[in-house]
Amino acid sequence: MQAYKGGKTYTNTFNRAVFGPHLNHDYGVFRYRNELYGSLPLFADSGAHGGYSTFTSVQTTL
């Protein structure tokens, strides 16, 4: 979440290359005991802004 103050100018850039998966401390594949969990945003720009597509399914292989 980004907070902005009145009376100032801000610039945010969206939709710039590279478009691909975004992984950080919040996204990826995680293990908790004997279970794996995943949250893999497949489309993100170079600023790590998540996107979407019209795909209705996806398969990930470990």
PDB file of N, CA and C in Angstrom:
ATOM      1  N   MET A   1       0.846  -1.165   0.000  1.00  0.00           N
ATOM      2  CA  MET A   1       0.000   0.000   0.000  1.00  0.00           C
ATOM      3  C   MET A   1       0.895   1.232   0.000  1.00  0.00           C
ATOM      4  N   GLN A   2       0.604   2.159  -0.883  1.00  0.00           N
ATOM      5  CA  GLN A   2       1.387   3.380  -1.000  1.00  0.00           C
ATOM      6  C   GLN A   2       0.565   4.553  -0.499  1.00  0.00           C
ATOM      7  N   ALA A   3       1.159   5.392   0.345  1.00  0.00           N
ATOM      8  CA  ALA A   3       0.493   6.592   0.844  1.00  0.00           C
ATOM      9  C   ALA A   3       1.060   7.814   0.128  1.00  0.00           C
ATOM     10  N   TYR A   4       0.194   8.740  -0.215  1.00  0.00           N
ATOM     11  CA  TYR A   4       0.599   9.960  -0.903  1.00  0.00           C
ATOM     12  C   TYR A   4       0.157  11.177  -0.094  1.00  0.00           C
ATOM     13  N   LYS A   5       0.988  12.212  -0.079  1.00  0.00           N
ATOM     14  CA  LYS A   5       0.663  13.455   0.625  1.00  0.00           C
ATOM     15  C   LYS A   5       0.271  14.518  -0.387  1.00  0.00           C
ATOM     16  N   GLY A   6      -0.713  15.334  -0.020  1.00  0.00           N
ATOM     17  CA  GLY A   6      -1.164  16.399  -0.890  1.00  0.00           C
ATOM     18  C   GLY A   6      -0.076  17.438  -1.109  1.00  0.00           C
ATOM     19  N   GLY A   7      -0.124  18.110  -2.259  1.00  0.00           N
ATOM     20  CA  GLY A   7       0.821  19.171  -2.555  1.00  0.00           C
ATOM     21  C   GLY A   7       2.146  18.697  -3.126  1.00  0.00           C
ATOM     22  N   LYS A   8       2.290  17.408  -3.379  1.00  0.00           N
ATOM     23  CA  LYS A   8       3.512  16.852  -3.946  1.00  0.00           C
ATOM     24  C   LYS A   8       3.191  16.145  -5.251  1.00  0.00           C
ATOM     25  N   THR A   9       4.205  15.922  -6.057  1.00  0.00           N
ATOM     26  CA  THR A   9       4.057  15.207  -7.313  1.00  0.00           C
ATOM     27  C   THR A   9       4.715  13.843  -7.192  1.00  0.00           C
ATOM     28  N   TYR A  10       4.017  12.812  -7.641  1.00  0.00           N
ATOM     29  CA  TYR A  10       4.521  11.449  -7.584  1.00  0.00           C
ATOM     30  C   TYR A  10       4.471  10.840  -8.974  1.00  0.00           C
ATOM     31  N   THR A  11       5.408   9.960  -9.264  1.00  0.00           N
ATOM     32  CA  THR A  11       5.427   9.245 -10.534  1.00  0.00           C
ATOM     33  C   THR A  11       5.504   7.753 -10.266  1.00  0.00           C
ATOM     34  N   ASN A  12       4.587   7.004 -10.874  1.00  0.00           N
ATOM     35  CA  ASN A  12       4.602   5.545 -10.820  1.00  0.00           C
ATOM     36  C   ASN A  12       4.588   5.030 -12.243  1.00  0.00           C
ATOM     37  N   THR A  13       5.427   4.066 -12.540  1.00  0.00           N
ATOM     38  CA  THR A  13       5.510   3.511 -13.880  1.00  0.00           C
ATOM     39  C   THR A  13       4.964   2.088 -13.867  1.00  0.00           C
ATOM     40  N   PHE A  14       4.061   1.801 -14.810  1.00  0.00           N
ATOM     41  CA  PHE A  14       3.456   0.487 -14.940  1.00  0.00           C
ATOM     42  C   PHE A  14       3.649  -0.023 -16.363  1.00  0.00           C
ATOM     43  N   ASN A  15       3.514  -1.339 -16.520  1.00  0.00           N
ATOM     44  CA  ASN A  15       3.524  -2.007 -17.825  1.00  0.00           C
ATOM     45  C   ASN A  15       4.830  -1.840 -18.597  1.00  0.00           C
ATOM     46  N   ARG A  16       5.940  -1.926 -17.899  1.00  0.00           N
ATOM     47  CA  ARG A  16       7.239  -1.902 -18.552  1.00  0.00           C
ATOM     48  C   ARG A  16       7.845  -3.290 -18.419  1.00  0.00           C
ATOM     49  N   ALA A  17       8.663  -3.664 -19.398  1.00  0.00           N
ATOM     50  CA  ALA A  17       9.270  -4.986 -19.400  1.00  0.00           C
ATOM     51  C   ALA A  17      10.031  -5.184 -18.098  1.00  0.00           C
ATOM     52  N   VAL A  18      10.195  -6.305 -17.618  1.00  0.00           N
ATOM     53  CA  VAL A  18      10.002  -7.659 -18.118  1.00  0.00           C
ATOM     54  C   VAL A  18       8.661  -8.181 -17.608  1.00  0.00           C
ATOM     55  N   PHE A  19       7.906  -8.871 -18.475  1.00  0.00           N
ATOM     56  CA  PHE A  19       6.674  -9.508 -18.038  1.00  0.00           C
ATOM     57  C   PHE A  19       6.962 -10.965 -17.753  1.00  0.00           C
ATOM     58  N   GLY A  20       6.789 -11.358 -16.526  1.00  0.00           N
ATOM     59  CA  GLY A  20       7.062 -12.723 -16.127  1.00  0.00           C
ATOM     60  C   GLY A  20       6.646 -12.922 -14.690  1.00  0.00           C
ATOM     61  N   PRO A  21       6.943 -14.059 -14.110  1.00  0.00           N
ATOM     62  CA  PRO A  21       6.576 -14.337 -12.724  1.00  0.00           C
ATOM     63  C   PRO A  21       7.232 -13.355 -11.763  1.00  0.00           C
ATOM     64  N   HIS A  22       6.532 -13.070 -10.686  1.00  0.00           N
ATOM     65  CA  HIS A  22       7.058 -12.179  -9.647  1.00  0.00           C
ATOM     66  C   HIS A  22       7.225 -12.986  -8.361  1.00  0.00           C
ATOM     67  N   LEU A  23       8.450 -13.073  -7.878  1.00  0.00           N
ATOM     68  CA  LEU A  23       8.741 -13.816  -6.655  1.00  0.00           C
ATOM     69  C   LEU A  23       9.451 -12.900  -5.670  1.00  0.00           C
ATOM     70  N   ASN A  24       9.041 -12.946  -4.423  1.00  0.00           N
ATOM     71  CA  ASN A  24       9.710 -12.227  -3.337  1.00  0.00           C
ATOM     72  C   ASN A  24       9.379 -12.931  -2.027  1.00  0.00           C
ATOM     73  N   HIS A  25       9.495 -12.249  -0.909  1.00  0.00           N
ATOM     74  CA  HIS A  25       9.228 -12.905   0.378  1.00  0.00           C
ATOM     75  C   HIS A  25       7.746 -13.227   0.578  1.00  0.00           C
ATOM     76  N   ASP A  26       6.861 -12.633  -0.223  1.00  0.00           N
ATOM     77  CA  ASP A  26       5.427 -12.918  -0.123  1.00  0.00           C
ATOM     78  C   ASP A  26       4.937 -13.924  -1.162  1.00  0.00           C
ATOM     79  N   TYR A  27       5.683 -14.081  -2.257  1.00  0.00           N
ATOM     80  CA  TYR A  27       5.244 -14.939  -3.359  1.00  0.00           C
ATOM     81  C   TYR A  27       6.289 -16.006  -3.644  1.00  0.00           C
ATOM     82  N   GLY A  28       5.824 -17.188  -4.008  1.00  0.00           N
ATOM     83  CA  GLY A  28       6.719 -18.284  -4.331  1.00  0.00           C
ATOM     84  C   GLY A  28       6.123 -19.588  -3.853  1.00  0.00           C
ATOM     85  N   VAL A  29       6.968 -20.581  -3.645  1.00  0.00           N
ATOM     86  CA  VAL A  29       6.547 -21.873  -3.117  1.00  0.00           C
ATOM     87  C   VAL A  29       7.153 -22.016  -1.732  1.00  0.00           C
ATOM     88  N   PHE A  30       6.316 -22.389  -0.778  1.00  0.00           N
ATOM     89  CA  PHE A  30       6.740 -22.469   0.618  1.00  0.00           C
ATOM     90  C   PHE A  30       6.407 -23.825   1.207  1.00  0.00           C
ATOM     91  N   ARG A  31       7.248 -24.258   2.106  1.00  0.00           N
ATOM     92  CA  ARG A  31       6.999 -25.516   2.810  1.00  0.00           C
ATOM     93  C   ARG A  31       6.658 -25.206   4.253  1.00  0.00           C
ATOM     94  N   TYR A  32       5.609 -25.828   4.749  1.00  0.00           N
ATOM     95  CA  TYR A  32       5.262 -25.781   6.161  1.00  0.00           C
ATOM     96  C   TYR A  32       5.070 -27.215   6.603  1.00  0.00           C
ATOM     97  N   ARG A  33       6.011 -27.700   7.425  1.00  0.00           N
ATOM     98  CA  ARG A  33       6.061 -29.103   7.830  1.00  0.00           C
ATOM     99  C   ARG A  33       6.140 -29.982   6.593  1.00  0.00           C
ATOM    100  N   ASN A  34       5.140 -30.819   6.336  1.00  0.00           N
ATOM    101  CA  ASN A  34       5.177 -31.711   5.173  1.00  0.00           C
ATOM    102  C   ASN A  34       4.235 -31.263   4.059  1.00  0.00           C
ATOM    103  N   GLU A  35       3.902 -29.982   4.028  1.00  0.00           N
ATOM    104  CA  GLU A  35       2.998 -29.476   3.005  1.00  0.00           C
ATOM    105  C   GLU A  35       3.647 -28.336   2.227  1.00  0.00           C
ATOM    106  N   LEU A  36       3.346 -28.278   0.934  1.00  0.00           N
ATOM    107  CA  LEU A  36       3.833 -27.192   0.085  1.00  0.00           C
ATOM    108  C   LEU A  36       2.681 -26.254  -0.238  1.00  0.00           C
ATOM    109  N   TYR A  37       2.967 -24.983  -0.207  1.00  0.00           N
ATOM    110  CA  TYR A  37       1.997 -23.950  -0.558  1.00  0.00           C
ATOM    111  C   TYR A  37       2.615 -23.059  -1.620  1.00  0.00           C
ATOM    112  N   GLY A  38       1.797 -22.548  -2.496  1.00  0.00           N
ATOM    113  CA  GLY A  38       2.339 -21.690  -3.535  1.00  0.00           C
ATOM    114  C   GLY A  38       1.438 -20.532  -3.877  1.00  0.00           C
ATOM    115  N   SER A  39       2.055 -19.430  -4.172  1.00  0.00           N
ATOM    116  CA  SER A  39       1.383 -18.250  -4.699  1.00  0.00           C
ATOM    117  C   SER A  39       2.324 -17.684  -5.742  1.00  0.00           C
ATOM    118  N   LEU A  40       2.007 -17.895  -7.000  1.00  0.00           N
ATOM    119  CA  LEU A  40       2.912 -17.537  -8.084  1.00  0.00           C
ATOM    120  C   LEU A  40       2.232 -16.605  -9.080  1.00  0.00           C
ATOM    121  N   PRO A  41       2.318 -15.302  -8.881  1.00  0.00           N
ATOM    122  CA  PRO A  41       1.781 -14.381  -9.877  1.00  0.00           C
ATOM    123  C   PRO A  41       2.573 -14.543 -11.177  1.00  0.00           C
ATOM    124  N   LEU A  42       1.929 -14.944 -12.247  1.00  0.00           N
ATOM    125  CA  LEU A  42       2.641 -15.263 -13.480  1.00  0.00           C
ATOM    126  C   LEU A  42       2.957 -14.051 -14.337  1.00  0.00           C
ATOM    127  N   PHE A  43       2.276 -12.943 -14.118  1.00  0.00           N
ATOM    128  CA  PHE A  43       2.495 -11.773 -14.951  1.00  0.00           C
ATOM    129  C   PHE A  43       2.782 -10.554 -14.079  1.00  0.00           C
ATOM    130  N   ALA A  44       3.991 -10.039 -14.153  1.00  0.00           N
ATOM    131  CA  ALA A  44       4.372  -8.834 -13.425  1.00  0.00           C
ATOM    132  C   ALA A  44       5.325  -8.027 -14.300  1.00  0.00           C
ATOM    133  N   ASP A  45       5.278  -6.708 -14.165  1.00  0.00           N
ATOM    134  CA  ASP A  45       6.200  -5.877 -14.933  1.00  0.00           C
ATOM    135  C   ASP A  45       7.493  -5.673 -14.145  1.00  0.00           C
ATOM    136  N   SER A  46       8.399  -4.874 -14.676  1.00  0.00           N
ATOM    137  CA  SER A  46       9.698  -4.693 -14.022  1.00  0.00           C
ATOM    138  C   SER A  46       9.588  -3.973 -12.688  1.00  0.00           C
ATOM    139  N   GLY A  47       8.460  -3.337 -12.421  1.00  0.00           N
ATOM    140  CA  GLY A  47       8.228  -2.697 -11.130  1.00  0.00           C
ATOM    141  C   GLY A  47       7.532  -3.599 -10.144  1.00  0.00           C
ATOM    142  N   ALA A  48       7.387  -4.882 -10.476  1.00  0.00           N
ATOM    143  CA  ALA A  48       6.743  -5.894  -9.637  1.00  0.00           C
ATOM    144  C   ALA A  48       5.254  -5.637  -9.447  1.00  0.00           C
ATOM    145  N   HIS A  49       4.620  -4.973 -10.414  1.00  0.00           N
ATOM    146  CA  HIS A  49       3.173  -4.788 -10.387  1.00  0.00           C
ATOM    147  C   HIS A  49       2.532  -6.008 -11.010  1.00  0.00           C
ATOM    148  N   GLY A  50       1.683  -6.681 -10.256  1.00  0.00           N
ATOM    149  CA  GLY A  50       1.036  -7.883 -10.732  1.00  0.00           C
ATOM    150  C   GLY A  50       0.030  -7.596 -11.831  1.00  0.00           C
ATOM    151  N   GLY A  51      -0.176  -8.568 -12.700  1.00  0.00           N
ATOM    152  CA  GLY A  51      -1.134  -8.434 -13.782  1.00  0.00           C
ATOM    153  C   GLY A  51      -1.983  -9.672 -13.881  1.00  0.00           C
ATOM    154  N   TYR A  52      -2.683  -9.815 -14.985  1.00  0.00           N
ATOM    155  CA  TYR A  52      -3.559 -10.957 -15.179  1.00  0.00           C
ATOM    156  C   TYR A  52      -3.592 -11.311 -16.655  1.00  0.00           C
ATOM    157  N   SER A  53      -4.191 -12.411 -16.961  1.00  0.00           N
ATOM    158  CA  SER A  53      -4.369 -12.838 -18.341  1.00  0.00           C
ATOM    159  C   SER A  53      -5.734 -13.495 -18.468  1.00  0.00           C
ATOM    160  N   THR A  54      -6.063 -13.874 -19.671  1.00  0.00           N
ATOM    161  CA  THR A  54      -7.345 -14.535 -19.905  1.00  0.00           C
ATOM    162  C   THR A  54      -7.260 -16.048 -19.766  1.00  0.00           C
ATOM    163  N   PHE A  55      -6.085 -16.573 -19.341  1.00  0.00           N
ATOM    164  CA  PHE A  55      -5.978 -18.013 -19.117  1.00  0.00           C
ATOM    165  C   PHE A  55      -6.924 -18.433 -18.002  1.00  0.00           C
ATOM    166  N   THR A  56      -7.561 -19.581 -18.177  1.00  0.00           N
ATOM    167  CA  THR A  56      -8.473 -20.070 -17.162  1.00  0.00           C
ATOM    168  C   THR A  56      -7.889 -21.204 -16.345  1.00  0.00           C
ATOM    169  N   SER A  57      -6.698 -21.684 -16.736  1.00  0.00           N
ATOM    170  CA  SER A  57      -6.039 -22.709 -15.951  1.00  0.00           C
ATOM    171  C   SER A  57      -4.548 -22.659 -16.221  1.00  0.00           C
ATOM    172  N   VAL A  58      -3.796 -23.249 -15.323  1.00  0.00           N
ATOM    173  CA  VAL A  58      -2.348 -23.297 -15.450  1.00  0.00           C
ATOM    174  C   VAL A  58      -1.852 -24.535 -14.720  1.00  0.00           C
ATOM    175  N   GLN A  59      -0.730 -25.078 -15.131  1.00  0.00           N
ATOM    176  CA  GLN A  59      -0.155 -26.249 -14.483  1.00  0.00           C
ATOM    177  C   GLN A  59       1.280 -25.929 -14.095  1.00  0.00           C
ATOM    178  N   THR A  60       1.628 -26.217 -12.867  1.00  0.00           N
ATOM    179  CA  THR A  60       2.988 -26.030 -12.361  1.00  0.00           C
ATOM    180  C   THR A  60       3.519 -27.382 -11.942  1.00  0.00           C
ATOM    181  N   THR A  61       4.722 -27.707 -12.369  1.00  0.00           N
ATOM    182  CA  THR A  61       5.327 -28.991 -12.049  1.00  0.00           C
ATOM    183  C   THR A  61       6.545 -28.786 -11.163  1.00  0.00           C
ATOM    184  N   LEU A  62       6.610 -29.503 -10.074  1.00  0.00           N
ATOM    185  CA  LEU A  62       7.763 -29.454  -9.176  1.00  0.00           C
ATOM    186  C   LEU A  62       8.643 -30.654  -9.414  1.00  0.00           C
TER     187      LEU A  62
END
